[in-house]
Amino acid sequence: MTPKVIVVISGKRKTGKDFIANLLQERFSAELCAVLRLSGPLKSQFAKENELDIARLLDASQYKETYRKDMIRWGEEKRNKDPEYFCRLATSVSEADKDLWVISDARRTTDLQYFLRYYPQTTLTVRIEATQDVREERGFVFKSGWLKCNFR
């Protein structure tokens, strides 16, 4: 099914992307609105290939932080081979049968390009920004070697 509207939310880590995505889902109801996370399929595949606990990779625990750098490297290798890989996986889940999709974690130009290429008439883009101080209050800690959001 093709959704009537797709809201693609982009922004750096700890800017409030999930918060806004969840507000949209509350406003429009879970019956009409699916929050699709590009990181979900990435973490799921990474967990399968490395025999890790997927539930713990999906939460905000230290467990995820332990594997973040390896997960980022692995994800980039996948994207280098196929830039649309995780977008296709995220939009093929059962929740994707809703009229409204909210993509809560676009961080790369290729993520945005995917939705604009395949759903040009229905895609809206929203950029969430927060100051460095606010991001740090929310738990952000800069670590060298982690991928940054690659578009503004």
C-alpha atoms as a PDB file:
ATOM      1  CA  MET A   1       0.000   0.000   0.000  1.00  0.00           C
ATOM      2  CA  THR A   2       1.170   3.507  -0.777  1.00  0.00           C
ATOM      3  CA  PRO A   3       0.626   5.959   2.065  1.00  0.00           C
ATOM      4  CA  LYS A   4      -1.256   9.212   1.541  1.00  0.00           C
ATOM      5  CA  VAL A   5       1.400  11.210   3.395  1.00  0.00           C
ATOM      6  CA  ILE A   6       4.994  10.519   4.424  1.00  0.00           C
ATOM      7  CA  VAL A   7       6.708  12.774   6.955  1.00  0.00           C
ATOM      8  CA  VAL A   8      10.470  12.251   6.903  1.00  0.00           C
ATOM      9  CA  ILE A   9      12.079  13.632  10.049  1.00  0.00           C
ATOM     10  CA  SER A  10      15.789  14.359   9.978  1.00  0.00           C
ATOM     11  CA  GLY A  11      18.218  15.653  12.557  1.00  0.00           C
ATOM     12  CA  LYS A  12      21.248  14.842  14.618  1.00  0.00           C
ATOM     13  CA  ARG A  13      21.221  12.460  17.589  1.00  0.00           C
ATOM     14  CA  LYS A  14      19.257  13.619  20.656  1.00  0.00           C
ATOM     15  CA  THR A  15      17.477  16.481  18.883  1.00  0.00           C
ATOM     16  CA  GLY A  16      13.968  15.145  19.537  1.00  0.00           C
ATOM     17  CA  LYS A  17      13.131  13.248  16.345  1.00  0.00           C
ATOM     18  CA  ASP A  18      11.446  10.349  18.159  1.00  0.00           C
ATOM     19  CA  PHE A  19       9.575  12.754  20.431  1.00  0.00           C
ATOM     20  CA  ILE A  20       8.074  14.577  17.429  1.00  0.00           C
ATOM     21  CA  ALA A  21       7.327  11.296  15.624  1.00  0.00           C
ATOM     22  CA  ASN A  22       5.475   9.983  18.669  1.00  0.00           C
ATOM     23  CA  LEU A  23       3.512  13.250  19.008  1.00  0.00           C
ATOM     24  CA  LEU A  24       2.408  12.932  15.380  1.00  0.00           C
ATOM     25  CA  GLN A  25       1.308   9.350  15.939  1.00  0.00           C
ATOM     26  CA  GLU A  26      -0.651  10.363  19.050  1.00  0.00           C
ATOM     27  CA  ARG A  27      -2.290  13.215  17.148  1.00  0.00           C
ATOM     28  CA  PHE A  28      -3.318  11.105  14.147  1.00  0.00           C
ATOM     29  CA  SER A  29      -3.786   7.763  15.991  1.00  0.00           C
ATOM     30  CA  ALA A  30      -1.951   4.477  15.649  1.00  0.00           C
ATOM     31  CA  GLU A  31      -4.717   3.212  13.351  1.00  0.00           C
ATOM     32  CA  LEU A  32      -3.816   5.815  10.725  1.00  0.00           C
ATOM     33  CA  CYS A  33      -0.168   6.560  11.455  1.00  0.00           C
ATOM     34  CA  ALA A  34       2.878   4.295  11.502  1.00  0.00           C
ATOM     35  CA  VAL A  35       6.186   5.443  12.934  1.00  0.00           C
ATOM     36  CA  LEU A  36       8.826   3.709  10.821  1.00  0.00           C
ATOM     37  CA  ARG A  37      12.397   3.724  12.046  1.00  0.00           C
ATOM     38  CA  LEU A  38      15.206   3.169   9.576  1.00  0.00           C
ATOM     39  CA  SER A  39      17.398   2.089  12.475  1.00  0.00           C
ATOM     40  CA  GLY A  40      15.032  -0.771  13.369  1.00  0.00           C
ATOM     41  CA  PRO A  41      15.908  -3.023  10.411  1.00  0.00           C
ATOM     42  CA  LEU A  42      19.569  -2.072  10.747  1.00  0.00           C
ATOM     43  CA  LYS A  43      19.662  -3.144  14.391  1.00  0.00           C
ATOM     44  CA  SER A  44      17.625  -6.268  13.689  1.00  0.00           C
ATOM     45  CA  GLN A  45      19.924  -7.463  10.899  1.00  0.00           C
ATOM     46  CA  PHE A  46      23.038  -6.547  12.885  1.00  0.00           C
ATOM     47  CA  ALA A  47      21.726  -8.495  15.895  1.00  0.00           C
ATOM     48  CA  LYS A  48      20.979 -11.572  13.771  1.00  0.00           C
ATOM     49  CA  GLU A  49      24.393 -11.588  12.127  1.00  0.00           C
ATOM     50  CA  ASN A  50      26.204 -11.080  15.436  1.00  0.00           C
ATOM     51  CA  GLU A  51      23.923 -13.151  17.718  1.00  0.00           C
ATOM     52  CA  LEU A  52      23.004 -10.152  19.888  1.00  0.00           C
ATOM     53  CA  ASP A  53      19.867  -9.301  21.881  1.00  0.00           C
ATOM     54  CA  ILE A  54      17.685  -7.276  19.493  1.00  0.00           C
ATOM     55  CA  ALA A  55      15.419  -5.968  22.271  1.00  0.00           C
ATOM     56  CA  ARG A  56      18.399  -4.469  24.057  1.00  0.00           C
ATOM     57  CA  LEU A  57      19.763  -2.957  20.835  1.00  0.00           C
ATOM     58  CA  LEU A  58      16.415  -1.227  20.298  1.00  0.00           C
ATOM     59  CA  ASP A  59      16.242   0.411  23.729  1.00  0.00           C
ATOM     60  CA  ALA A  60      18.242   3.335  25.098  1.00  0.00           C
ATOM     61  CA  SER A  61      20.560   1.182  27.186  1.00  0.00           C
ATOM     62  CA  GLN A  62      24.316   1.024  27.530  1.00  0.00           C
ATOM     63  CA  TYR A  63      24.134  -2.327  25.706  1.00  0.00           C
ATOM     64  CA  LYS A  64      23.360  -0.498  22.450  1.00  0.00           C
ATOM     65  CA  GLU A  65      26.151   2.000  23.082  1.00  0.00           C
ATOM     66  CA  THR A  66      28.624  -0.877  23.483  1.00  0.00           C
ATOM     67  CA  TYR A  67      27.926  -2.001  19.907  1.00  0.00           C
ATOM     68  CA  ARG A  68      27.160   1.383  18.309  1.00  0.00           C
ATOM     69  CA  LYS A  69      30.506   1.890  16.549  1.00  0.00           C
ATOM     70  CA  ASP A  70      30.497  -1.626  15.045  1.00  0.00           C
ATOM     71  CA  MET A  71      26.839  -1.260  14.098  1.00  0.00           C
ATOM     72  CA  ILE A  72      27.547   2.047  12.342  1.00  0.00           C
ATOM     73  CA  ARG A  73      30.443   0.569  10.398  1.00  0.00           C
ATOM     74  CA  TRP A  74      28.372  -2.477   9.422  1.00  0.00           C
ATOM     75  CA  GLY A  75      25.441  -0.276   8.368  1.00  0.00           C
ATOM     76  CA  GLU A  76      27.676   1.924   6.246  1.00  0.00           C
ATOM     77  CA  GLU A  77      29.083  -1.142   4.490  1.00  0.00           C
ATOM     78  CA  LYS A  78      25.518  -2.242   3.672  1.00  0.00           C
ATOM     79  CA  ARG A  79      24.575   1.253   2.465  1.00  0.00           C
ATOM     80  CA  ASN A  80      27.691   1.521   0.304  1.00  0.00           C
ATOM     81  CA  LYS A  81      26.552  -1.609  -1.537  1.00  0.00           C
ATOM     82  CA  ASP A  82      22.878  -0.562  -1.646  1.00  0.00           C
ATOM     83  CA  PRO A  83      21.940   2.940  -0.389  1.00  0.00           C
ATOM     84  CA  GLU A  84      18.221   2.049  -0.307  1.00  0.00           C
ATOM     85  CA  TYR A  85      18.597  -1.204   1.641  1.00  0.00           C
ATOM     86  CA  PHE A  86      17.361  -0.033   5.059  1.00  0.00           C
ATOM     87  CA  CYS A  87      14.657   2.230   3.613  1.00  0.00           C
ATOM     88  CA  ARG A  88      13.190  -0.731   1.724  1.00  0.00           C
ATOM     89  CA  LEU A  89      13.299  -2.912   4.831  1.00  0.00           C
ATOM     90  CA  ALA A  90      11.668  -0.235   6.999  1.00  0.00           C
ATOM     91  CA  THR A  91       8.826   0.336   4.536  1.00  0.00           C
ATOM     92  CA  SER A  92       8.107  -3.360   4.041  1.00  0.00           C
ATOM     93  CA  VAL A  93       7.000  -4.037   7.624  1.00  0.00           C
ATOM     94  CA  SER A  94       3.363  -4.782   8.448  1.00  0.00           C
ATOM     95  CA  GLU A  95       2.859  -1.319  10.002  1.00  0.00           C
ATOM     96  CA  ALA A  96       3.512   0.213   6.574  1.00  0.00           C
ATOM     97  CA  ASP A  97      -0.126  -0.396   5.614  1.00  0.00           C
ATOM     98  CA  LYS A  98      -1.152   2.906   7.267  1.00  0.00           C
ATOM     99  CA  ASP A  99      -2.207   6.111   5.496  1.00  0.00           C
ATOM    100  CA  LEU A 100       0.494   8.168   7.216  1.00  0.00           C
ATOM    101  CA  TRP A 101       4.115   7.146   7.611  1.00  0.00           C
ATOM    102  CA  VAL A 102       6.403   9.061   9.923  1.00  0.00           C
ATOM    103  CA  ILE A 103      10.040   8.219   9.261  1.00  0.00           C
ATOM    104  CA  SER A 104      11.622   9.162  12.563  1.00  0.00           C
ATOM    105  CA  ASP A 105      15.334   8.879  11.928  1.00  0.00           C
ATOM    106  CA  ALA A 106      16.549  10.021   8.509  1.00  0.00           C
ATOM    107  CA  ARG A 107      20.200  10.977   8.901  1.00  0.00           C
ATOM    108  CA  ARG A 108      21.622  10.611   5.393  1.00  0.00           C
ATOM    109  CA  THR A 109      20.905  12.292   2.087  1.00  0.00           C
ATOM    110  CA  THR A 110      20.278   8.849   0.581  1.00  0.00           C
ATOM    111  CA  ASP A 111      17.452   8.285   3.100  1.00  0.00           C
ATOM    112  CA  LEU A 112      15.763  11.498   2.047  1.00  0.00           C
ATOM    113  CA  GLN A 113      16.409  10.822  -1.650  1.00  0.00           C
ATOM    114  CA  TYR A 114      14.726   7.417  -1.383  1.00  0.00           C
ATOM    115  CA  PHE A 115      11.404   8.881  -0.232  1.00  0.00           C
ATOM    116  CA  LEU A 116      11.559  11.833  -2.614  1.00  0.00           C
ATOM    117  CA  ARG A 117      12.332   9.482  -5.533  1.00  0.00           C
ATOM    118  CA  TYR A 118       9.675   6.835  -4.874  1.00  0.00           C
ATOM    119  CA  TYR A 119       7.005   8.969  -3.180  1.00  0.00           C
ATOM    120  CA  PRO A 120       7.525  12.498  -4.581  1.00  0.00           C
ATOM    121  CA  GLN A 121       3.908  13.648  -4.278  1.00  0.00           C
ATOM    122  CA  THR A 122       3.374  12.472  -0.714  1.00  0.00           C
ATOM    123  CA  THR A 123       6.691  13.167   1.040  1.00  0.00           C
ATOM    124  CA  LEU A 124       7.125  16.063   3.442  1.00  0.00           C
ATOM    125  CA  THR A 125      10.465  16.704   5.116  1.00  0.00           C
ATOM    126  CA  VAL A 126      10.938  18.057   8.631  1.00  0.00           C
ATOM    127  CA  ARG A 127      14.310  19.017  10.081  1.00  0.00           C
ATOM    128  CA  ILE A 128      14.625  18.956  13.892  1.00  0.00           C
ATOM    129  CA  GLU A 129      17.423  20.985  15.425  1.00  0.00           C
ATOM    130  CA  ALA A 130      18.601  21.499  18.984  1.00  0.00           C
ATOM    131  CA  THR A 131      21.563  23.307  20.454  1.00  0.00           C
ATOM    132  CA  GLN A 132      24.584  21.328  21.570  1.00  0.00           C
ATOM    133  CA  ASP A 133      23.702  22.157  25.194  1.00  0.00           C
ATOM    134  CA  VAL A 134      20.171  20.776  24.831  1.00  0.00           C
ATOM    135  CA  ARG A 135      21.449  17.633  23.112  1.00  0.00           C
ATOM    136  CA  GLU A 136      23.942  17.083  25.945  1.00  0.00           C
ATOM    137  CA  GLU A 137      21.154  17.556  28.524  1.00  0.00           C
ATOM    138  CA  ARG A 138      19.334  14.736  26.716  1.00  0.00           C
ATOM    139  CA  GLY A 139      22.345  12.458  27.018  1.00  0.00           C
ATOM    140  CA  PHE A 140      24.336  13.152  23.862  1.00  0.00           C
ATOM    141  CA  VAL A 141      28.078  12.608  24.182  1.00  0.00           C
ATOM    142  CA  PHE A 142      30.270  13.194  21.140  1.00  0.00           C
ATOM    143  CA  LYS A 143      32.480  10.228  20.306  1.00  0.00           C
ATOM    144  CA  SER A 144      35.013  10.276  17.527  1.00  0.00           C
ATOM    145  CA  GLY A 145      34.335   7.770  14.770  1.00  0.00           C
ATOM    146  CA  TRP A 146      30.539   7.851  15.045  1.00  0.00           C
ATOM    147  CA  LEU A 147      28.679   8.835  11.934  1.00  0.00           C
ATOM    148  CA  LYS A 148      27.175  12.269  11.993  1.00  0.00           C
ATOM    149  CA  CYS A 149      24.053  13.318  10.159  1.00  0.00           C
ATOM    150  CA  ASN A 150      25.376  14.050   6.673  1.00  0.00           C
ATOM    151  CA  PHE A 151      22.943  16.711   5.513  1.00  0.00           C
ATOM    152  CA  ARG A 152      21.490  19.957   6.783  1.00  0.00           C
END
